[in-house]
Amino acid sequence: MVKIPINILVVDDEKDFVEIISLRLEDAGEHAQAAYNGQECLQALANNDIDVVILDIKMPGMDGIETLREIKRRHPLVEVILLTGHGAVDTAVEGMKLGAFDYLNKPADFDDLLELLHAARKRKSESEERIRKAEARSLLRKSGDLF
């Protein structure tokens, strides 16, 4: 079976963390890009086909929750996994209410992160497939081939 890499955007103001996670994701066969703040994240999403964003909640300027709101407004099918430090679980739960796929506490276990990434990409793919089917039905109705 051919493995299709997940297109991942890692967003965190801690550059060393982003570089290490990105390298590990690449070693695991995924495609990883880096952004170091909310604005860079939104720019990367506008210019690239991203499946899943790994998003730190605590960042200076545009924090993770504000960034999540914009991601979901502009790119509703992109899945987001939040990263939170200990003691910020309430904020992570708020993020899930805003549409985040899930959250992990820092430091996250890499295998747990990979598992969430695969589940998030699966949900995105299923959503895209439902949309394609609905669009096809709509076209058939318009052409008169479907009642």
Protein backbone atom coordinates (compact mmCIF):
# COMPACT_ATOMS: atom_id res chain seq x y z
CA MET A 1 0.00 0.00 0.00
CA VAL A 2 1.35 3.41 -0.97
CA LYS A 3 1.57 5.87 1.91
CA ILE A 4 0.43 9.36 1.04
CA PRO A 5 2.24 11.88 3.23
CA ILE A 6 0.24 14.25 5.40
CA ASN A 7 0.90 17.92 4.65
CA ILE A 8 1.50 19.40 8.09
CA LEU A 9 2.09 22.96 9.22
CA VAL A 10 3.86 23.23 12.59
CA VAL A 11 3.19 26.57 14.28
CA ASP A 12 5.05 27.57 17.44
CA ASP A 13 7.16 30.55 18.48
CA GLU A 14 9.83 28.17 19.85
CA LYS A 15 12.02 27.71 16.76
CA ASP A 16 13.99 24.77 18.15
CA PHE A 17 10.77 22.90 18.91
CA VAL A 18 9.40 23.54 15.41
CA GLU A 19 12.63 22.37 13.77
CA ILE A 20 12.84 19.18 15.84
CA ILE A 21 9.18 18.23 15.31
CA SER A 22 9.43 19.03 11.60
CA LEU A 23 12.52 16.83 11.21
CA ARG A 24 10.88 13.96 13.08
CA LEU A 25 7.75 14.27 10.95
CA GLU A 26 9.83 14.25 7.76
CA ASP A 27 11.71 11.17 9.04
CA ALA A 28 8.30 9.53 9.59
CA GLY A 29 7.43 10.13 5.92
CA GLU A 30 5.24 13.21 6.32
CA HIS A 31 5.61 16.67 4.76
CA ALA A 32 6.21 19.36 7.37
CA GLN A 33 6.37 23.12 7.01
CA ALA A 34 7.15 25.64 9.72
CA ALA A 35 5.55 28.88 10.86
CA TYR A 36 6.57 30.82 13.95
CA ASN A 37 3.47 32.90 14.66
CA GLY A 38 -0.20 33.21 13.77
CA GLN A 39 0.31 35.54 10.82
CA GLU A 40 2.93 33.23 9.25
CA CYS A 41 0.51 30.34 9.76
CA LEU A 42 -2.31 32.09 7.91
CA GLN A 43 0.06 33.09 5.10
CA ALA A 44 1.31 29.51 4.75
CA LEU A 45 -2.27 28.21 4.63
CA ALA A 46 -3.13 30.72 1.91
CA ASN A 47 -0.20 29.55 -0.24
CA ASN A 48 -0.03 25.79 0.42
CA ASP A 49 -2.23 22.71 0.52
CA ILE A 50 -2.16 21.82 4.22
CA ASP A 51 -4.04 18.90 5.76
CA VAL A 52 -3.31 19.43 9.46
CA VAL A 53 -1.93 22.28 11.54
CA ILE A 54 -0.08 21.58 14.79
CA LEU A 55 -0.69 24.82 16.67
CA ASP A 56 0.78 26.05 19.94
CA ILE A 57 -1.75 27.89 22.07
CA LYS A 58 0.68 30.22 23.85
CA MET A 59 2.36 32.52 21.35
CA PRO A 60 3.09 36.24 21.53
CA GLY A 61 0.92 38.50 19.41
CA MET A 62 -1.77 36.42 17.74
CA ASP A 63 -2.18 33.49 20.15
CA GLY A 64 -3.23 29.98 19.19
CA ILE A 65 -6.93 30.46 19.93
CA GLU A 66 -7.12 33.60 17.80
CA THR A 67 -5.18 31.84 15.05
CA LEU A 68 -7.52 28.83 15.28
CA ARG A 69 -10.54 31.10 14.81
CA GLU A 70 -9.01 32.52 11.64
CA ILE A 71 -7.99 29.10 10.33
CA LYS A 72 -11.53 27.78 10.73
CA ARG A 73 -13.01 30.92 9.19
CA ARG A 74 -10.72 30.88 6.14
CA HIS A 75 -10.00 27.13 5.77
CA PRO A 76 -12.78 25.21 7.54
CA LEU A 77 -11.66 21.78 6.35
CA VAL A 78 -8.09 22.10 7.65
CA GLU A 79 -7.79 20.14 10.89
CA VAL A 80 -5.95 21.63 13.86
CA ILE A 81 -4.20 19.86 16.72
CA LEU A 82 -3.51 22.21 19.61
CA LEU A 83 -0.42 21.99 21.79
CA THR A 84 -0.75 23.24 25.32
CA GLY A 85 1.46 23.52 28.35
CA HIS A 86 0.37 22.04 31.65
CA GLY A 87 -2.29 24.10 33.33
CA ALA A 88 -3.81 25.37 30.08
CA VAL A 89 -6.23 22.50 29.48
CA ASP A 90 -9.23 24.84 29.80
CA THR A 91 -7.91 26.85 26.88
CA ALA A 92 -7.41 23.65 24.85
CA VAL A 93 -11.01 22.63 25.55
CA GLU A 94 -12.13 26.08 24.39
CA GLY A 95 -10.13 25.47 21.21
CA MET A 96 -11.91 22.18 20.62
CA LYS A 97 -15.24 23.97 20.94
CA LEU A 98 -14.00 26.34 18.23
CA GLY A 99 -13.27 23.44 15.89
CA ALA A 100 -9.85 22.03 16.81
CA PHE A 101 -9.57 18.30 16.14
CA ASP A 102 -7.85 17.56 19.47
CA TYR A 103 -5.08 18.72 21.76
CA LEU A 104 -1.91 17.37 23.32
CA ASN A 105 0.02 18.53 26.36
CA LYS A 106 3.62 19.62 25.82
CA PRO A 107 5.89 17.79 25.72
CA ALA A 108 3.79 15.51 23.54
CA ASP A 109 4.61 11.87 22.92
CA PHE A 110 5.59 11.64 19.25
CA ASP A 111 3.64 8.40 18.65
CA ASP A 112 0.51 10.02 20.12
CA LEU A 113 1.04 13.00 17.84
CA LEU A 114 1.40 10.75 14.77
CA GLU A 115 -1.77 8.89 15.71
CA LEU A 116 -3.70 12.17 15.99
CA LEU A 117 -2.26 13.42 12.71
CA HIS A 118 -3.46 10.34 10.85
CA ALA A 119 -6.92 10.56 12.42
CA ALA A 120 -7.16 14.28 11.63
CA ARG A 121 -6.15 13.76 8.00
CA LYS A 122 -8.69 10.95 7.70
CA ARG A 123 -11.45 13.25 8.95
CA LYS A 124 -10.39 15.98 6.50
CA SER A 125 -10.39 13.49 3.61
CA GLU A 126 -13.84 12.20 4.58
CA SER A 127 -15.20 15.76 4.74
CA GLU A 128 -13.75 16.56 1.32
CA GLU A 129 -15.31 13.38 -0.12
CA ARG A 130 -18.75 14.26 1.27
CA ILE A 131 -18.47 17.70 -0.31
CA ARG A 132 -17.46 16.20 -3.69
CA LYS A 133 -20.45 13.84 -3.58
CA ALA A 134 -22.84 16.65 -2.64
CA GLU A 135 -21.49 18.81 -5.49
CA ALA A 136 -21.89 15.90 -7.94
CA ARG A 137 -25.52 15.36 -6.83
CA SER A 138 -26.16 19.07 -7.22
CA LEU A 139 -24.78 19.05 -10.76
CA LEU A 140 -26.90 16.01 -11.65
CA ARG A 141 -30.03 17.73 -10.31
CA LYS A 142 -29.29 20.84 -12.36
CA SER A 143 -28.78 18.80 -15.50
CA GLY A 144 -32.09 17.01 -14.95
CA ASP A 145 -30.58 13.54 -14.54
CA LEU A 146 -31.66 13.27 -10.93
CA PHE A 147 -35.03 13.99 -9.39
